[in-house]
Protein backbone atom coordinates (compact mmCIF):
# COMPACT_ATOMS: atom_id res chain seq x y z
CA UNK A 1 56.02 2.98 100.48
CA UNK A 2 54.84 1.45 103.83
CA UNK A 3 52.34 4.27 104.20
CA UNK A 4 51.04 3.58 101.17
CA UNK A 5 50.63 -0.24 101.82
CA UNK A 6 48.96 0.71 105.10
CA UNK A 7 46.39 2.94 103.17
CA UNK A 8 45.56 0.03 100.61
CA UNK A 9 45.02 -2.39 103.81
CA UNK A 10 42.87 0.24 105.51
CA UNK A 11 40.73 0.86 102.47
CA UNK A 12 40.37 -2.69 101.86
CA UNK A 13 39.19 -2.96 105.43
CA UNK A 14 36.88 -0.11 105.10
CA UNK A 15 35.36 -1.48 101.90
CA UNK A 16 33.94 -4.56 104.29
CA UNK A 17 32.63 -1.78 106.82
CA UNK A 18 35.35 -1.73 109.30
CA UNK A 19 34.87 1.28 111.53
CA UNK A 20 38.50 0.90 113.10
CA UNK A 21 39.90 1.20 109.66
CA UNK A 22 37.67 4.41 108.93
CA UNK A 23 38.66 5.67 112.27
CA UNK A 24 42.50 5.31 111.34
CA UNK A 25 42.09 6.95 108.31
CA UNK A 26 40.10 9.59 109.45
CA UNK A 27 43.06 10.38 112.18
CA UNK A 28 45.61 10.39 109.37
CA UNK A 29 44.02 12.23 106.69
CA UNK A 30 41.53 14.60 108.91
CA UNK A 31 44.16 17.30 110.26
CA UNK A 32 45.38 17.34 106.67
CA UNK A 33 42.21 17.80 105.01
CA UNK A 34 41.04 20.52 107.78
CA UNK A 35 44.51 22.34 106.78
CA UNK A 36 43.63 22.50 103.31
CA UNK A 37 40.06 23.36 103.84
CA UNK A 38 41.18 26.53 105.81
CA UNK A 39 43.34 27.82 103.48
CA UNK A 40 40.28 28.42 101.43
CA UNK A 41 37.63 29.24 103.81
CA UNK A 42 39.68 31.05 106.24
CA UNK A 43 36.74 29.51 108.82
CA UNK A 44 37.38 26.74 111.42
CA UNK A 45 33.75 25.52 111.47
CA UNK A 46 33.43 25.59 107.76
CA UNK A 47 36.84 23.65 107.29
CA UNK A 48 35.36 21.27 110.11
CA UNK A 49 32.12 20.97 108.26
CA UNK A 50 33.96 19.91 104.88
CA UNK A 51 36.01 17.65 106.75
CA UNK A 52 32.92 15.64 107.85
CA UNK A 53 31.36 15.75 104.56
CA UNK A 54 34.00 14.49 103.16
CA UNK A 55 34.36 11.61 105.47
CA UNK A 56 30.68 10.89 105.35
CA UNK A 57 30.93 10.48 101.51
CA UNK A 58 33.73 8.01 102.11
CA UNK A 59 31.61 5.84 104.37
CA UNK A 60 28.70 6.20 101.97
CA UNK A 61 30.66 5.04 99.11
CA UNK A 62 33.11 2.49 100.90
CA UNK A 63 32.09 -0.44 98.91
CA UNK A 64 32.98 1.21 95.66
CA UNK A 65 36.46 2.56 96.89
CA UNK A 66 39.69 1.15 94.75
CA UNK A 67 42.20 0.31 97.30
CA UNK A 68 44.94 0.14 94.73
CA UNK A 69 44.55 4.07 93.81
CA UNK A 70 45.79 6.69 96.02
CA UNK A 71 43.24 7.14 99.04
CA UNK A 72 44.83 10.82 99.60
CA UNK A 73 44.17 11.72 96.16
CA UNK A 74 40.73 10.34 96.18
CA UNK A 75 40.15 12.48 99.51
CA UNK A 76 41.22 15.71 98.44
CA UNK A 77 39.56 15.50 95.06
CA UNK A 78 36.07 14.98 96.95
CA UNK A 79 37.37 18.17 99.12
CA UNK A 80 38.10 20.11 96.10
CA UNK A 81 34.80 19.35 94.49
CA UNK A 82 32.99 20.48 97.79
CA UNK A 83 34.88 23.49 97.86
CA UNK A 84 33.88 24.39 94.18
CA UNK A 85 30.39 23.81 94.78
CA UNK A 86 30.57 25.83 98.01
CA UNK A 87 31.89 28.73 96.13
CA UNK A 88 29.88 28.44 92.91
CA UNK A 89 26.63 28.74 95.47
CA UNK A 90 28.08 31.68 97.22
CA UNK A 91 28.79 33.45 93.81
CA UNK A 92 25.25 32.85 92.72
CA UNK A 93 23.88 34.25 96.08
CA UNK A 94 26.35 37.18 95.59
CA UNK A 95 25.11 37.79 92.39
CA UNK A 96 21.31 37.74 93.44
CA UNK A 97 22.03 39.96 96.18
CA UNK A 98 23.55 42.51 93.81
CA UNK A 99 20.95 42.51 91.24
CA UNK A 100 18.25 42.86 93.56
CA UNK A 101 20.23 46.01 95.12
CA UNK A 102 20.59 47.35 91.39
CA UNK A 103 17.09 46.60 90.34
CA UNK A 104 15.32 47.53 93.55
CA UNK A 105 17.88 50.31 94.49
CA UNK A 106 18.24 48.90 97.93
CA UNK A 107 20.97 50.21 100.20
CA UNK A 108 20.17 48.46 103.29
CA UNK A 109 21.74 45.15 103.36
CA UNK A 110 19.08 44.05 105.87
CA UNK A 111 16.38 44.62 103.49
CA UNK A 112 18.23 42.56 100.73
CA UNK A 113 18.82 39.78 103.50
CA UNK A 114 15.19 39.76 104.38
CA UNK A 115 14.02 39.46 100.57
CA UNK A 116 16.65 36.97 100.04
CA UNK A 117 15.28 34.68 103.01
CA UNK A 118 11.74 35.15 102.11
CA UNK A 119 12.36 34.29 98.41
CA UNK A 120 14.13 30.93 99.70
CA UNK A 121 11.15 30.33 102.17
CA UNK A 122 8.64 30.62 99.08
CA UNK A 123 11.04 28.28 96.89
CA UNK A 124 11.63 25.70 99.76
CA UNK A 125 7.89 25.50 100.36
CA UNK A 126 7.13 24.73 96.67
CA UNK A 127 9.95 22.00 96.83
CA UNK A 128 8.21 20.19 100.02
CA UNK A 129 5.03 20.20 97.86
CA UNK A 130 6.64 18.03 95.17
CA UNK A 131 6.15 14.37 94.81
CA UNK A 132 9.10 12.71 96.92
CA UNK A 133 11.14 11.47 94.15
CA UNK A 134 11.16 14.82 92.12
CA UNK A 135 12.10 16.69 95.13
CA UNK A 136 14.89 14.37 96.00
CA UNK A 137 16.40 14.40 92.19
CA UNK A 138 15.74 18.56 92.53
CA UNK A 139 17.79 19.09 95.58
CA UNK A 140 20.35 16.72 94.57
CA UNK A 141 20.80 18.50 91.43
CA UNK A 142 20.53 21.90 92.42
CA UNK A 143 21.18 22.49 96.01
CA UNK A 144 24.01 19.65 96.25
CA UNK A 145 25.11 20.77 92.83
CA UNK A 146 25.45 17.06 91.31
CA UNK A 147 25.50 16.46 87.80
CA UNK A 148 22.63 14.63 86.07
CA UNK A 149 24.62 11.53 85.69
CA UNK A 150 25.67 11.40 89.38
CA UNK A 151 22.18 11.81 90.49
CA UNK A 152 20.97 9.16 87.86
CA UNK A 153 23.94 6.72 89.19
CA UNK A 154 23.13 7.37 92.96
CA UNK A 155 19.22 6.90 92.55
CA UNK A 156 19.82 3.97 89.82
CA UNK A 157 17.70 5.66 87.22
CA UNK A 158 18.70 7.26 83.84
CA UNK A 159 20.15 10.57 83.19
CA UNK A 160 17.11 11.34 81.05
CA UNK A 161 14.79 10.72 83.88
CA UNK A 162 16.80 13.19 86.10
CA UNK A 163 16.63 15.82 83.42
CA UNK A 164 12.67 15.56 83.02
CA UNK A 165 12.43 15.29 86.63
CA UNK A 166 14.27 18.58 87.25
CA UNK A 167 12.33 20.31 84.04
CA UNK A 168 9.04 19.24 85.62
CA UNK A 169 10.27 20.78 89.11
CA UNK A 170 11.48 23.98 87.59
CA UNK A 171 8.19 24.31 85.59
CA UNK A 172 6.40 23.74 88.88
CA UNK A 173 8.38 26.36 90.61
CA UNK A 174 7.78 28.77 88.01
CA UNK A 175 4.09 28.32 87.72
CA UNK A 176 3.54 28.80 91.54
CA UNK A 177 5.82 31.97 92.24
CA UNK A 178 4.42 35.27 92.91
CA UNK A 179 4.42 36.91 89.44
CA UNK A 180 4.92 40.28 90.99
CA UNK A 181 8.15 39.14 92.76
CA UNK A 182 10.75 39.90 90.14
CA UNK A 183 13.76 39.34 92.52
CA UNK A 184 12.71 35.75 92.95
CA UNK A 185 12.30 35.03 89.53
CA UNK A 186 15.65 36.55 88.62
CA UNK A 187 17.09 34.40 91.46
CA UNK A 188 15.56 31.62 89.97
CA UNK A 189 16.98 32.22 86.34
CA UNK A 190 20.64 32.57 88.11
CA UNK A 191 19.88 29.83 90.46
CA UNK A 192 19.12 27.33 87.45
CA UNK A 193 21.28 28.56 84.72
């Protein structure tokens, strides 16, 4: 019971931007979160990165924290969402690589990797050419895995505006891709839907 009361007090201080409270919560929950992430990733650097991402998100959203709710549950929910997004992106990338191998009868994984890198560079260049707001919305949605509602709330705009901007971004990317590069188009279909 005392630990819960301590958490509530620390969260209340954190809401006000208290760095010491943040550090205290990090000291208590950082190692637990690391162990949790490591069970999924089996990789120390990825587990450490996840812990950092979770606590960055906590700091960025500190004012909206609810001290009456379980801070531990809040942390592990964020962590689980990050882990899901990570494995979803990994699955999409693997599907793309497998389809490239099948479609082009590639057996050399270096060729697949080079094609993937080239395709990502082409898409990233097109994203950089978008208007700043559209680029920001597209990245939050497609690369960070956020829903239209999450992006809308974060940027203080309507979900409809988010959907329109994503649609415009996709149209722009499709219209500027090399029409002969079927792998890129296939990736875009897998990436988007």
